[in-house]
């Protein structure tokens, strides 16, 4: 087996193309694992932990700790290792994870018994200590943390049979690649938050300009009554008030839900988003919002011409088919 991992060529090209797709990232990690094992039966286990929480916002279906076993390794040793890891992980408290222990000691890795002893000194649980000792003493294990600038991004644990010794060239090439991976993950995180920030800025401006400038001044009781008269509705004080209240309630609901949505997409975690039918759940309620549809483009003369005809049209196509909704007035004088 080559002592230096070959992360050139296809794997690096794939890394440069990672988008916000969990499946693509999983496939890439599988290729990395194959490259690590590379026909070497001594290296039996590798995992990578995504420590930075924002990574899981970009890749929501990704396991926080993704692990791989060498299919060509000694099955007895792999089974023993898995039992040891499962027993240890099932007992761990958050502050007992390796990355927390390493951070407390201002270390970046655990590569020898002295470093292991140093980080375990402060642990009060003998069961946890013994679990870690078993992983590092009965096997040849190496643990590494990866930072991007000052941000802790990922960590990794690689385990081989006890008699095996990782070469420094192997470890250096692994560090370089994981640093490269951390950089691309940080890029995707930055890209996601930049996109959210841009969306928030655009929606905030639209809220201020389109709603407050074009619609709100024309949505007062007196302005709506005047507009109803312009469109040919007969004056009826009580009926006018009921109609105006209905129209204003629909506009107020839209503004409230828009503000809630804006707050939701610019905050973490996303807790209230839900799937919705685009035409039925988004377009139709907007079309039914009469004050919005009459006033958003009224400065350009694109508004209701009479009781039922609006020059502003929102058209939605599914393939070559245009989606349409038919409306009937409840009464001959209905709105």
Protein backbone atom coordinates (compact mmCIF):
# COMPACT_ATOMS: atom_id res chain seq x y z
CA UNK A 1 0.00 0.00 0.00
CA UNK A 2 1.25 3.51 -0.80
CA UNK A 3 2.24 5.44 2.31
CA UNK A 4 0.69 8.66 0.98
CA UNK A 5 -3.03 8.93 0.25
CA UNK A 6 -3.75 9.76 -3.39
CA UNK A 7 -6.35 12.52 -3.19
CA UNK A 8 -5.50 14.03 -6.53
CA UNK A 9 -7.52 13.79 -9.71
CA UNK A 10 -11.11 12.61 -9.67
CA UNK A 11 -11.77 12.87 -5.93
CA UNK A 12 -10.57 16.47 -5.76
CA UNK A 13 -12.58 17.35 -8.85
CA UNK A 14 -15.67 15.88 -7.22
CA UNK A 15 -14.94 17.79 -4.03
CA UNK A 16 -14.86 21.06 -5.95
CA UNK A 17 -18.35 20.27 -7.27
CA UNK A 18 -20.02 19.43 -3.95
CA UNK A 19 -23.36 21.17 -3.77
CA UNK A 20 -25.97 21.08 -1.03
CA UNK A 21 -26.70 17.41 -1.73
CA UNK A 22 -26.33 14.93 1.10
CA UNK A 23 -26.14 11.99 -1.31
CA UNK A 24 -23.26 13.56 -3.24
CA UNK A 25 -21.36 14.24 -0.04
CA UNK A 26 -21.97 10.69 1.23
CA UNK A 27 -20.70 9.27 -2.07
CA UNK A 28 -17.59 11.40 -1.85
CA UNK A 29 -16.92 10.26 1.72
CA UNK A 30 -17.28 6.64 0.59
CA UNK A 31 -14.64 7.27 -2.06
CA UNK A 32 -12.36 8.77 0.57
CA UNK A 33 -12.89 5.72 2.80
CA UNK A 34 -11.98 3.42 -0.09
CA UNK A 35 -8.87 5.50 -0.65
CA UNK A 36 -7.94 5.21 3.03
CA UNK A 37 -8.45 1.45 3.18
CA UNK A 38 -6.98 0.93 -0.31
CA UNK A 39 -6.60 -2.82 -0.01
CA UNK A 40 -4.93 -2.53 3.40
CA UNK A 41 -6.56 -5.01 5.78
CA UNK A 42 -4.87 -3.42 8.81
CA UNK A 43 -6.86 -0.17 8.68
CA UNK A 44 -10.29 -1.29 9.80
CA UNK A 45 -12.31 1.81 10.74
CA UNK A 46 -12.63 5.50 9.85
CA UNK A 47 -15.16 8.11 10.87
CA UNK A 48 -15.67 11.79 10.32
CA UNK A 49 -17.67 14.03 12.66
CA UNK A 50 -19.30 17.24 11.48
CA UNK A 51 -18.77 19.40 14.53
CA UNK A 52 -19.90 22.75 13.12
CA UNK A 53 -23.73 22.70 13.51
CA UNK A 54 -24.28 24.81 10.40
CA UNK A 55 -22.99 21.97 8.21
CA UNK A 56 -26.09 19.95 9.09
CA UNK A 57 -28.23 22.91 8.01
CA UNK A 58 -26.67 22.67 4.56
CA UNK A 59 -26.87 18.86 4.56
CA UNK A 60 -29.92 18.17 6.81
CA UNK A 61 -30.00 14.39 6.21
CA UNK A 62 -26.32 13.88 6.97
CA UNK A 63 -25.36 11.84 10.02
CA UNK A 64 -23.38 13.96 12.49
CA UNK A 65 -20.85 11.12 12.74
CA UNK A 66 -20.40 9.22 9.48
CA UNK A 67 -18.38 6.01 9.83
CA UNK A 68 -16.92 3.36 7.54
CA UNK A 69 -15.63 -0.20 8.10
CA UNK A 70 -13.06 -1.98 5.99
CA UNK A 71 -14.90 -4.86 4.34
CA UNK A 72 -11.59 -6.63 3.77
CA UNK A 73 -10.46 -6.31 7.38
CA UNK A 74 -10.43 -9.00 10.04
CA UNK A 75 -14.10 -9.58 10.85
CA UNK A 76 -13.40 -10.65 14.44
CA UNK A 77 -11.41 -7.51 15.20
CA UNK A 78 -13.97 -5.29 13.48
CA UNK A 79 -16.81 -6.84 15.48
CA UNK A 80 -14.86 -6.40 18.74
CA UNK A 81 -14.10 -2.78 17.84
CA UNK A 82 -17.72 -2.02 16.99
CA UNK A 83 -18.91 -3.48 20.29
CA UNK A 84 -16.32 -1.39 22.12
CA UNK A 85 -17.30 1.79 20.28
CA UNK A 86 -21.03 1.20 20.77
CA UNK A 87 -20.57 0.54 24.48
CA UNK A 88 -18.49 3.71 24.87
CA UNK A 89 -20.68 6.01 22.76
CA UNK A 90 -23.85 4.87 24.54
CA UNK A 91 -22.44 6.18 27.85
CA UNK A 92 -20.90 9.46 26.70
CA UNK A 93 -22.14 12.79 27.98
CA UNK A 94 -21.64 15.79 25.66
CA UNK A 95 -18.64 17.04 27.63
CA UNK A 96 -16.97 13.61 27.39
CA UNK A 97 -16.65 13.53 23.60
CA UNK A 98 -13.09 13.51 22.34
CA UNK A 99 -13.35 16.87 20.61
CA UNK A 100 -14.45 18.53 23.87
CA UNK A 101 -11.62 16.89 25.82
CA UNK A 102 -9.06 17.87 23.20
CA UNK A 103 -10.30 21.47 23.14
CA UNK A 104 -9.94 21.76 26.92
CA UNK A 105 -6.26 20.89 26.61
CA UNK A 106 -5.69 23.11 23.55
CA UNK A 107 -4.61 20.10 21.52
CA UNK A 108 -5.37 19.32 17.89
CA UNK A 109 -4.88 15.55 17.85
CA UNK A 110 -4.29 12.37 19.81
CA UNK A 111 -1.44 10.48 18.25
CA UNK A 112 0.29 8.81 21.18
CA UNK A 113 -0.29 7.51 24.73
CA UNK A 114 1.04 10.70 26.34
CA UNK A 115 -1.54 12.87 24.59
CA UNK A 116 -4.28 10.38 25.44
CA UNK A 117 -3.25 10.38 29.11
CA UNK A 118 -3.25 14.18 29.17
CA UNK A 119 -6.81 14.57 27.92
CA UNK A 120 -8.21 11.77 30.11
CA UNK A 121 -6.72 13.03 33.37
CA UNK A 122 -9.71 15.23 34.17
CA UNK A 123 -12.33 12.53 33.52
CA UNK A 124 -14.02 11.30 36.66
CA UNK A 125 -15.73 8.27 35.07
CA UNK A 126 -13.51 5.20 35.03
CA UNK A 127 -15.83 3.47 32.59
CA UNK A 128 -15.34 6.26 30.03
CA UNK A 129 -11.59 6.30 30.64
CA UNK A 130 -11.35 2.56 30.18
CA UNK A 131 -13.40 2.74 26.98
CA UNK A 132 -11.02 5.28 25.47
CA UNK A 133 -7.96 3.36 26.69
CA UNK A 134 -9.30 0.23 25.06
CA UNK A 135 -9.70 2.00 21.70
CA UNK A 136 -6.23 3.51 21.77
CA UNK A 137 -4.29 0.70 23.50
CA UNK A 138 -5.81 -2.42 21.98
CA UNK A 139 -5.80 -0.84 18.54
CA UNK A 140 -3.61 1.61 16.70
CA UNK A 141 -5.78 4.74 16.74
CA UNK A 142 -5.30 8.31 15.62
CA UNK A 143 -7.67 11.22 16.32
CA UNK A 144 -7.54 14.59 14.56
CA UNK A 145 -9.45 17.88 14.69
CA UNK A 146 -9.70 20.19 11.67
CA UNK A 147 -10.15 23.95 11.88
CA UNK A 148 -10.85 26.44 9.13
CA UNK A 149 -9.18 29.62 10.27
CA UNK A 150 -10.51 29.77 13.87
CA UNK A 151 -13.65 27.70 13.32
CA UNK A 152 -13.76 24.06 14.44
CA UNK A 153 -15.29 22.26 11.46
CA UNK A 154 -14.74 18.48 11.52
CA UNK A 155 -12.94 15.77 13.45
CA UNK A 156 -11.87 12.28 12.45
CA UNK A 157 -10.91 8.98 14.07
CA UNK A 158 -9.00 6.31 12.17
CA UNK A 159 -8.33 2.88 13.70
CA UNK A 160 -6.05 0.04 12.61
CA UNK A 161 -4.91 -3.25 14.11
CA UNK A 162 -2.59 -2.98 17.10
CA UNK A 163 0.53 -3.99 15.21
CA UNK A 164 0.01 -1.37 12.51
CA UNK A 165 1.74 2.02 12.56
CA UNK A 166 0.46 4.95 10.51
CA UNK A 167 3.24 6.60 8.55
CA UNK A 168 3.73 10.34 8.95
CA UNK A 169 3.30 10.75 5.20
CA UNK A 170 -0.08 9.03 5.38
CA UNK A 171 -1.23 11.24 8.26
CA UNK A 172 0.01 14.41 6.59
CA UNK A 173 -1.83 13.64 3.37
CA UNK A 174 -5.00 12.88 5.37
CA UNK A 175 -4.68 16.21 7.20
CA UNK A 176 -4.24 18.11 3.95
CA UNK A 177 -7.28 16.56 2.35
CA UNK A 178 -9.50 17.06 5.39
CA UNK A 179 -8.39 20.67 5.56
CA UNK A 180 -9.43 20.97 1.93
CA UNK A 181 -12.78 19.34 2.70
CA UNK A 182 -13.33 21.68 5.67
CA UNK A 183 -12.74 24.66 3.39
CA UNK A 184 -15.40 23.50 0.93
CA UNK A 185 -17.88 22.78 3.71
CA UNK A 186 -17.32 26.28 5.08
CA UNK A 187 -17.87 27.64 1.58
CA UNK A 188 -21.23 25.87 1.39
CA UNK A 189 -22.21 27.17 4.85
CA UNK A 190 -21.22 30.72 3.86
CA UNK A 191 -23.10 30.37 0.58
CA UNK A 192 -26.27 29.26 2.38
CA UNK A 193 -26.19 32.14 4.84
CA UNK A 194 -25.30 34.66 2.15
CA UNK A 195 -28.31 33.46 0.17
CA UNK A 196 -30.57 33.76 3.20
CA UNK A 197 -29.24 37.23 3.93
CA UNK A 198 -29.87 38.30 0.34
CA UNK A 199 -33.40 36.88 0.41
CA UNK A 200 -34.09 38.66 3.69
CA UNK A 201 -32.77 41.97 2.32
CA UNK A 202 -34.88 41.71 -0.84
CA UNK A 203 -38.02 40.72 1.03
CA UNK A 204 -37.52 43.45 3.63
CA UNK A 205 -37.12 46.05 0.89
CA UNK A 206 -40.18 44.72 -0.94
CA UNK A 207 -42.16 44.81 2.28
CA UNK A 208 -41.17 48.41 2.86
CA UNK A 209 -41.49 49.68 -0.70
CA UNK A 210 -44.23 47.61 -2.32
CA UNK A 211 -46.56 47.12 0.64
CA UNK A 212 -46.02 50.29 2.65
CA UNK A 213 -45.66 52.63 -0.32
CA UNK A 214 -48.15 51.23 -2.83
CA UNK A 215 -50.79 49.42 -0.80
CA UNK A 216 -51.03 50.71 2.78
CA UNK A 217 -52.01 54.32 1.85
CA UNK A 218 -54.80 52.91 -0.33
CA UNK A 219 -56.05 50.43 2.28
CA UNK A 220 -57.61 52.92 4.72
CA UNK A 221 -61.36 52.68 5.30
CA UNK A 222 -62.05 55.90 3.43
CA UNK A 223 -59.75 54.98 0.51
CA UNK A 224 -61.36 51.56 0.10
CA UNK A 225 -64.90 53.02 0.24
CA UNK A 226 -63.93 55.51 -2.47
CA UNK A 227 -62.42 52.74 -4.59
CA UNK A 228 -65.52 50.54 -4.29
CA UNK A 229 -67.61 53.46 -5.52
CA UNK A 230 -65.22 54.00 -8.47
CA UNK A 231 -65.67 50.36 -9.47
CA UNK A 232 -69.47 50.70 -9.55
CA UNK A 233 -70.60 49.28 -6.22
CA UNK A 234 -73.72 50.85 -4.76
CA UNK A 235 -73.20 52.69 -1.49
CA UNK A 236 -74.50 50.84 1.55
CA UNK A 237 -72.82 51.99 4.77
CA UNK A 238 -73.13 48.77 6.76
CA UNK A 239 -72.41 46.52 3.79
CA UNK A 240 -69.44 48.70 2.85
CA UNK A 241 -68.00 48.34 6.35
CA UNK A 242 -68.40 44.56 6.28
CA UNK A 243 -66.77 44.36 2.85
CA UNK A 244 -63.92 46.68 3.86
CA UNK A 245 -63.29 44.67 7.00
CA UNK A 246 -63.11 41.45 4.97
CA UNK A 247 -60.66 42.99 2.50
CA UNK A 248 -58.48 44.52 5.22
CA UNK A 249 -58.45 41.26 7.23
CA UNK A 250 -57.18 39.39 4.17
CA UNK A 251 -54.43 41.99 3.61
CA UNK A 252 -53.46 41.99 7.31
CA UNK A 253 -53.23 38.19 7.30
CA UNK A 254 -50.94 38.32 4.26
CA UNK A 255 -48.68 40.90 5.91
CA UNK A 256 -48.49 38.89 9.13
CA UNK A 257 -47.70 35.61 7.39
CA UNK A 258 -45.13 37.36 5.19
CA UNK A 259 -43.40 38.81 8.27
CA UNK A 260 -43.46 35.41 9.98
CA UNK A 261 -41.95 33.76 6.91
CA UNK A 262 -39.22 36.39 6.68
CA UNK A 263 -38.31 35.85 10.34
CA UNK A 264 -38.33 32.09 9.86
CA UNK A 265 -36.01 31.84 6.87
CA UNK A 266 -33.44 34.16 8.43
CA UNK A 267 -33.20 32.34 11.76
CA UNK A 268 -32.02 28.97 13.06
CA UNK A 269 -33.20 26.35 13.40
CA UNK A 270 -35.96 26.16 10.82
CA UNK A 271 -38.86 24.89 12.91
CA UNK A 272 -42.14 26.00 11.36
CA UNK A 273 -41.61 25.52 7.64
CA UNK A 274 -43.97 23.04 5.99
CA UNK A 275 -44.64 21.70 2.50
CA UNK A 276 -47.42 23.44 0.60
CA UNK A 277 -48.99 23.22 -2.86
CA UNK A 278 -47.63 26.15 -4.87
CA UNK A 279 -50.74 27.06 -6.82
CA UNK A 280 -53.39 26.28 -4.23
CA UNK A 281 -51.42 27.37 -1.16
CA UNK A 282 -49.45 30.35 -2.49
CA UNK A 283 -50.88 31.73 -5.74
CA UNK A 284 -54.63 31.47 -5.09
CA UNK A 285 -54.54 33.21 -1.67
CA UNK A 286 -52.52 36.01 -3.29
CA UNK A 287 -54.99 36.38 -6.16
CA UNK A 288 -57.87 36.44 -3.64
CA UNK A 289 -56.17 39.29 -1.76
CA UNK A 290 -58.13 42.04 -3.52
CA UNK A 291 -56.40 45.04 -1.92
CA UNK A 292 -53.03 43.62 -2.89
CA UNK A 293 -54.02 42.76 -6.46
CA UNK A 294 -55.73 46.12 -7.03
CA UNK A 295 -52.98 48.34 -5.65
CA UNK A 296 -49.57 46.70 -6.14
CA UNK A 297 -49.30 47.96 -9.76
CA UNK A 298 -51.97 50.63 -9.71
CA UNK A 299 -49.49 53.44 -10.34
CA UNK A 300 -48.99 51.94 -13.79
CA UNK A 301 -52.74 51.59 -14.36
CA UNK A 302 -52.62 47.80 -13.87
CA UNK A 303 -55.54 47.24 -11.51
CA UNK A 304 -59.27 46.46 -11.43
CA UNK A 305 -61.16 48.11 -14.29
CA UNK A 306 -64.57 47.14 -12.93
CA UNK A 307 -66.02 44.76 -10.36
CA UNK A 308 -64.46 41.61 -11.81
CA UNK A 309 -61.82 42.48 -14.40
CA UNK A 310 -58.27 43.12 -13.25
CA UNK A 311 -55.52 43.99 -15.72
CA UNK A 312 -52.99 42.33 -13.37
CA UNK A 313 -52.78 38.62 -14.21
CA UNK A 314 -50.68 35.96 -12.49
CA UNK A 315 -50.35 32.94 -14.77
CA UNK A 316 -48.99 29.56 -13.66
CA UNK A 317 -48.14 26.71 -16.03
CA UNK A 318 -47.52 23.05 -15.27
CA UNK A 319 -45.71 21.89 -18.36
CA UNK A 320 -47.83 23.22 -21.23
CA UNK A 321 -51.01 23.37 -19.15
CA UNK A 322 -52.08 26.62 -17.54
CA UNK A 323 -53.58 26.19 -14.08
CA UNK A 324 -56.82 28.11 -13.58
CA UNK A 325 -59.42 28.61 -10.86
CA UNK A 326 -63.05 29.51 -11.48
CA UNK A 327 -64.90 31.80 -9.08
CA UNK A 328 -68.63 32.36 -8.69
CA UNK A 329 -70.23 35.18 -6.70
CA UNK A 330 -72.45 34.03 -3.83
CA UNK A 331 -75.02 36.69 -4.73
CA UNK A 332 -75.64 38.86 -7.76
CA UNK A 333 -74.09 41.83 -5.96
CA UNK A 334 -71.24 39.90 -4.38
CA UNK A 335 -67.61 40.96 -4.47
